[in-house]
């Protein structure tokens, strides 16, 4: 799935939060960030209506508990999953968090 990536300064602007709060959102898994683009950045699809997608945190925790790194969790969320029928992040954005987390739990 193609998505834009938001750097920390862009997240500050998009979320309307100070840098310290944005870093805390990442540290507490409300957002999952990567340095794959050079600078620490978050996929734009993790933001909905100017806020971190609420169902992302629990799903990120399940993935980390299964041994996923941040990059692996991001990849899984953005890639098409046959058992869900679309990328997991799209299912989360549609309100299908129980289904996504059930699939994520089987990955351990």
N, C-alpha and C. Protein backbone atom coordinates (compact mmCIF):
# COMPACT_ATOMS: atom_id res chain seq x y z
N UNK A 1 0.84 -1.17 0.00
CA UNK A 1 0.00 0.00 0.00
C UNK A 1 0.88 1.24 0.00
N UNK A 2 0.60 2.16 -0.87
CA UNK A 2 1.35 3.41 -0.95
C UNK A 2 0.81 4.39 0.08
N UNK A 3 1.72 5.06 0.76
CA UNK A 3 1.33 6.09 1.71
C UNK A 3 2.45 7.11 1.82
N UNK A 4 2.08 8.32 2.13
CA UNK A 4 3.08 9.35 2.43
C UNK A 4 3.61 9.08 3.84
N UNK A 5 4.80 9.58 4.09
CA UNK A 5 5.42 9.44 5.42
C UNK A 5 5.55 10.82 6.03
N UNK A 6 5.17 10.94 7.29
CA UNK A 6 5.24 12.21 8.00
C UNK A 6 6.41 12.20 8.98
N UNK A 7 7.30 13.18 8.85
CA UNK A 7 8.42 13.32 9.78
C UNK A 7 7.91 13.94 11.08
N UNK A 8 8.76 13.99 12.09
CA UNK A 8 8.33 14.56 13.37
C UNK A 8 7.82 16.01 13.23
N UNK A 9 8.53 16.90 12.52
CA UNK A 9 7.99 18.26 12.37
C UNK A 9 6.62 18.26 11.67
N UNK A 10 6.44 17.38 10.70
CA UNK A 10 5.14 17.30 10.01
C UNK A 10 4.06 16.75 10.94
N UNK A 11 4.44 15.81 11.81
CA UNK A 11 3.48 15.28 12.79
C UNK A 11 3.07 16.34 13.79
N UNK A 12 4.03 17.16 14.22
CA UNK A 12 3.72 18.26 15.13
C UNK A 12 2.65 19.15 14.51
N UNK A 13 2.82 19.47 13.24
CA UNK A 13 1.86 20.33 12.54
C UNK A 13 0.53 19.62 12.32
N UNK A 14 0.57 18.36 11.87
CA UNK A 14 -0.65 17.61 11.56
C UNK A 14 -1.49 17.34 12.81
N UNK A 15 -0.83 16.96 13.89
CA UNK A 15 -1.54 16.61 15.12
C UNK A 15 -1.82 17.82 16.01
N UNK A 16 -1.11 18.92 15.76
CA UNK A 16 -1.28 20.09 16.60
C UNK A 16 -0.79 19.86 18.02
N UNK A 17 0.23 19.03 18.14
CA UNK A 17 0.80 18.68 19.45
C UNK A 17 2.27 19.10 19.48
N UNK A 18 2.80 19.40 20.68
CA UNK A 18 4.23 19.72 20.77
C UNK A 18 5.09 18.49 20.50
N UNK A 19 6.33 18.72 20.16
CA UNK A 19 7.24 17.63 19.81
C UNK A 19 7.33 16.57 20.91
N UNK A 20 7.40 16.99 22.16
CA UNK A 20 7.49 16.03 23.27
C UNK A 20 6.29 15.10 23.31
N UNK A 21 5.10 15.63 23.05
CA UNK A 21 3.88 14.80 23.03
C UNK A 21 3.91 13.84 21.84
N UNK A 22 4.39 14.30 20.69
CA UNK A 22 4.48 13.43 19.51
C UNK A 22 5.45 12.27 19.80
N UNK A 23 6.57 12.57 20.41
CA UNK A 23 7.52 11.50 20.76
C UNK A 23 6.90 10.51 21.74
N UNK A 24 6.11 11.02 22.68
CA UNK A 24 5.44 10.14 23.65
C UNK A 24 4.42 9.25 22.95
N UNK A 25 3.70 9.78 21.96
CA UNK A 25 2.74 8.98 21.19
C UNK A 25 3.45 7.81 20.50
N UNK A 26 4.67 8.06 20.03
CA UNK A 26 5.47 7.01 19.39
C UNK A 26 5.97 6.03 20.45
N UNK A 27 6.49 6.53 21.54
CA UNK A 27 7.01 5.66 22.61
C UNK A 27 5.93 4.75 23.19
N UNK A 28 4.69 5.24 23.23
CA UNK A 28 3.59 4.49 23.83
C UNK A 28 2.78 3.72 22.78
N UNK A 29 3.31 3.61 21.56
CA UNK A 29 2.71 2.85 20.46
C UNK A 29 1.37 3.38 19.95
N UNK A 30 1.05 4.64 20.24
CA UNK A 30 -0.12 5.23 19.60
C UNK A 30 0.18 5.44 18.12
N UNK A 31 1.46 5.56 17.82
CA UNK A 31 1.98 5.64 16.45
C UNK A 31 3.20 4.73 16.36
N UNK A 32 3.45 4.19 15.18
CA UNK A 32 4.63 3.36 14.96
C UNK A 32 5.49 4.07 13.92
N UNK A 33 6.75 4.28 14.26
CA UNK A 33 7.64 5.07 13.41
C UNK A 33 8.82 4.24 12.92
N UNK A 34 9.43 4.72 11.85
CA UNK A 34 10.58 4.05 11.24
C UNK A 34 11.56 5.10 10.73
N UNK A 35 12.81 4.68 10.59
CA UNK A 35 13.83 5.55 10.01
C UNK A 35 14.15 5.12 8.56
N UNK A 36 13.31 4.31 7.96
CA UNK A 36 13.60 3.80 6.62
C UNK A 36 13.72 4.89 5.56
N UNK A 37 13.12 6.05 5.80
CA UNK A 37 13.23 7.16 4.85
C UNK A 37 14.38 8.09 5.23
N UNK A 38 15.16 7.72 6.25
CA UNK A 38 16.28 8.54 6.71
C UNK A 38 15.96 9.19 8.04
N UNK A 39 14.89 9.96 8.07
CA UNK A 39 14.46 10.60 9.31
C UNK A 39 13.33 9.78 9.92
N UNK A 40 13.17 9.87 11.23
CA UNK A 40 12.08 9.18 11.90
C UNK A 40 10.76 9.68 11.32
N UNK A 41 9.93 8.76 10.85
CA UNK A 41 8.69 9.13 10.19
C UNK A 41 7.62 8.07 10.44
N UNK A 42 6.37 8.49 10.25
CA UNK A 42 5.20 7.65 10.48
C UNK A 42 4.38 7.63 9.19
N UNK A 43 3.87 6.46 8.78
CA UNK A 43 2.98 6.44 7.61
C UNK A 43 1.75 7.32 7.86
N UNK A 44 1.41 8.12 6.88
CA UNK A 44 0.30 9.05 7.01
C UNK A 44 -1.02 8.34 7.28
N UNK A 45 -1.19 7.11 6.81
CA UNK A 45 -2.45 6.38 7.01
C UNK A 45 -2.66 6.01 8.48
N UNK A 46 -1.65 6.21 9.33
CA UNK A 46 -1.81 5.94 10.76
C UNK A 46 -2.53 7.10 11.46
N UNK A 47 -2.80 8.18 10.71
CA UNK A 47 -3.49 9.36 11.24
C UNK A 47 -4.88 9.41 10.62
N UNK A 48 -5.88 9.66 11.44
CA UNK A 48 -7.26 9.78 10.95
C UNK A 48 -7.88 11.02 11.60
N UNK A 49 -8.35 11.93 10.78
CA UNK A 49 -9.00 13.15 11.26
C UNK A 49 -8.12 13.93 12.25
N UNK A 50 -6.83 14.00 11.96
CA UNK A 50 -5.93 14.79 12.78
C UNK A 50 -5.51 14.16 14.09
N UNK A 51 -5.77 12.85 14.25
CA UNK A 51 -5.41 12.13 15.48
C UNK A 51 -4.84 10.76 15.10
N UNK A 52 -3.99 10.19 15.97
CA UNK A 52 -3.56 8.82 15.71
C UNK A 52 -4.78 7.90 15.65
N UNK A 53 -4.77 6.97 14.72
CA UNK A 53 -5.86 6.00 14.60
C UNK A 53 -5.98 5.25 15.93
N UNK A 54 -7.13 5.33 16.58
CA UNK A 54 -7.27 4.82 17.95
C UNK A 54 -7.01 3.32 18.07
N UNK A 55 -7.34 2.55 17.05
CA UNK A 55 -7.16 1.10 17.12
C UNK A 55 -5.74 0.66 16.81
N UNK A 56 -4.87 1.59 16.42
CA UNK A 56 -3.50 1.24 16.08
C UNK A 56 -2.71 0.79 17.29
N UNK A 57 -2.89 1.44 18.43
CA UNK A 57 -2.06 1.16 19.61
C UNK A 57 -2.17 -0.30 20.04
N UNK A 58 -3.36 -0.80 20.24
CA UNK A 58 -3.53 -2.19 20.68
C UNK A 58 -2.98 -3.17 19.66
N UNK A 59 -3.17 -2.87 18.40
CA UNK A 59 -2.65 -3.74 17.34
C UNK A 59 -1.13 -3.73 17.34
N UNK A 60 -0.53 -2.55 17.50
CA UNK A 60 0.93 -2.45 17.54
C UNK A 60 1.48 -3.23 18.73
N UNK A 61 0.81 -3.17 19.86
CA UNK A 61 1.25 -3.91 21.04
C UNK A 61 1.18 -5.41 20.79
N UNK A 62 0.12 -5.89 20.16
CA UNK A 62 0.00 -7.31 19.81
C UNK A 62 1.16 -7.72 18.90
N UNK A 63 1.46 -6.91 17.90
CA UNK A 63 2.55 -7.23 16.97
C UNK A 63 3.90 -7.22 17.67
N UNK A 64 4.13 -6.26 18.55
CA UNK A 64 5.40 -6.23 19.28
C UNK A 64 5.50 -7.43 20.23
N UNK A 65 4.41 -7.80 20.86
CA UNK A 65 4.40 -8.98 21.72
C UNK A 65 4.70 -10.26 20.93
N UNK A 66 4.35 -10.24 19.64
CA UNK A 66 4.63 -11.38 18.76
C UNK A 66 6.06 -11.36 18.25
N UNK A 67 6.85 -10.35 18.64
CA UNK A 67 8.25 -10.28 18.26
C UNK A 67 8.56 -9.40 17.07
N UNK A 68 7.58 -8.65 16.58
CA UNK A 68 7.80 -7.79 15.43
C UNK A 68 8.59 -6.55 15.84
N UNK A 69 9.50 -6.12 14.98
CA UNK A 69 10.15 -4.83 15.15
C UNK A 69 9.18 -3.76 14.63
N UNK A 70 9.51 -2.49 14.86
CA UNK A 70 8.65 -1.42 14.33
C UNK A 70 8.53 -1.51 12.81
N UNK A 71 9.67 -1.74 12.13
CA UNK A 71 9.62 -1.84 10.66
C UNK A 71 8.77 -3.03 10.21
N UNK A 72 8.91 -4.16 10.86
CA UNK A 72 8.10 -5.33 10.51
C UNK A 72 6.62 -5.09 10.77
N UNK A 73 6.30 -4.41 11.86
CA UNK A 73 4.90 -4.10 12.17
C UNK A 73 4.32 -3.17 11.11
N UNK A 74 5.08 -2.16 10.73
CA UNK A 74 4.62 -1.25 9.68
C UNK A 74 4.40 -1.99 8.38
N UNK A 75 5.37 -2.83 7.99
CA UNK A 75 5.23 -3.60 6.76
C UNK A 75 3.97 -4.46 6.79
N UNK A 76 3.73 -5.15 7.91
CA UNK A 76 2.55 -6.02 7.99
C UNK A 76 1.26 -5.19 7.89
N UNK A 77 1.24 -4.06 8.55
CA UNK A 77 0.04 -3.22 8.52
C UNK A 77 -0.25 -2.67 7.13
N UNK A 78 0.79 -2.41 6.35
CA UNK A 78 0.61 -1.79 5.03
C UNK A 78 0.45 -2.78 3.89
N UNK A 79 0.85 -4.04 4.10
CA UNK A 79 0.79 -5.03 3.02
C UNK A 79 -0.55 -5.75 3.01
N UNK A 80 -0.99 -6.14 1.81
CA UNK A 80 -2.24 -6.88 1.66
C UNK A 80 -2.15 -8.19 2.44
N UNK A 81 -3.19 -8.51 3.19
CA UNK A 81 -3.25 -9.76 3.93
C UNK A 81 -4.44 -10.56 3.40
N UNK A 82 -4.15 -11.77 2.90
CA UNK A 82 -5.19 -12.60 2.29
C UNK A 82 -6.32 -12.95 3.25
N UNK A 83 -6.00 -13.20 4.51
CA UNK A 83 -7.04 -13.61 5.45
C UNK A 83 -7.98 -12.46 5.80
N UNK A 84 -7.52 -11.22 5.66
CA UNK A 84 -8.36 -10.05 5.92
C UNK A 84 -8.98 -9.55 4.62
N UNK A 85 -8.26 -9.72 3.52
CA UNK A 85 -8.75 -9.31 2.21
C UNK A 85 -8.31 -7.93 1.79
N UNK A 86 -7.53 -7.28 2.61
CA UNK A 86 -6.98 -5.96 2.30
C UNK A 86 -5.87 -5.69 3.30
N UNK A 87 -5.13 -4.59 3.14
CA UNK A 87 -4.09 -4.28 4.13
C UNK A 87 -4.71 -4.10 5.51
N UNK A 88 -4.08 -4.64 6.54
CA UNK A 88 -4.64 -4.51 7.90
C UNK A 88 -4.93 -3.07 8.31
N UNK A 89 -4.11 -2.11 7.89
CA UNK A 89 -4.37 -0.72 8.28
C UNK A 89 -5.69 -0.24 7.69
N UNK A 90 -6.03 -0.69 6.49
CA UNK A 90 -7.32 -0.30 5.90
C UNK A 90 -8.47 -0.90 6.70
N UNK A 91 -8.32 -2.16 7.13
CA UNK A 91 -9.34 -2.79 7.96
C UNK A 91 -9.50 -2.04 9.28
N UNK A 92 -8.38 -1.61 9.88
CA UNK A 92 -8.46 -0.82 11.12
C UNK A 92 -9.19 0.49 10.88
N UNK A 93 -8.92 1.13 9.76
CA UNK A 93 -9.57 2.40 9.44
C UNK A 93 -11.07 2.20 9.20
N UNK A 94 -11.47 0.97 8.87
CA UNK A 94 -12.89 0.64 8.67
C UNK A 94 -13.56 0.17 9.96
N UNK A 95 -12.81 0.12 11.06
CA UNK A 95 -13.38 -0.28 12.33
C UNK A 95 -13.34 -1.77 12.60
N UNK A 96 -12.52 -2.51 11.88
CA UNK A 96 -12.46 -3.97 12.01
C UNK A 96 -11.28 -4.41 12.88
N UNK A 97 -11.10 -3.76 14.04
CA UNK A 97 -9.92 -4.03 14.86
C UNK A 97 -9.90 -5.44 15.43
N UNK A 98 -11.04 -6.00 15.81
CA UNK A 98 -11.05 -7.35 16.38
C UNK A 98 -10.52 -8.37 15.37
N UNK A 99 -10.93 -8.23 14.13
CA UNK A 99 -10.46 -9.14 13.07
C UNK A 99 -8.97 -9.00 12.85
N UNK A 100 -8.49 -7.76 12.80
CA UNK A 100 -7.07 -7.51 12.56
C UNK A 100 -6.25 -8.06 13.72
N UNK A 101 -6.68 -7.82 14.92
CA UNK A 101 -5.91 -8.30 16.09
C UNK A 101 -5.93 -9.82 16.19
N UNK A 102 -7.04 -10.43 15.81
CA UNK A 102 -7.11 -11.90 15.81
C UNK A 102 -6.06 -12.47 14.85
N UNK A 103 -5.95 -11.90 13.67
CA UNK A 103 -4.96 -12.34 12.69
C UNK A 103 -3.56 -12.06 13.21
N UNK A 104 -3.36 -10.89 13.80
CA UNK A 104 -2.03 -10.52 14.32
C UNK A 104 -1.59 -11.48 15.41
N UNK A 105 -2.51 -11.93 16.24
CA UNK A 105 -2.17 -12.86 17.32
C UNK A 105 -1.69 -14.21 16.79
N UNK A 106 -2.13 -14.60 15.62
CA UNK A 106 -1.71 -15.88 15.04
C UNK A 106 -0.28 -15.82 14.48
N UNK A 107 0.29 -14.64 14.41
CA UNK A 107 1.61 -14.46 13.82
C UNK A 107 2.75 -14.75 14.80
N UNK A 108 2.44 -14.92 16.06
CA UNK A 108 3.48 -15.14 17.08
C UNK A 108 4.21 -16.45 16.86
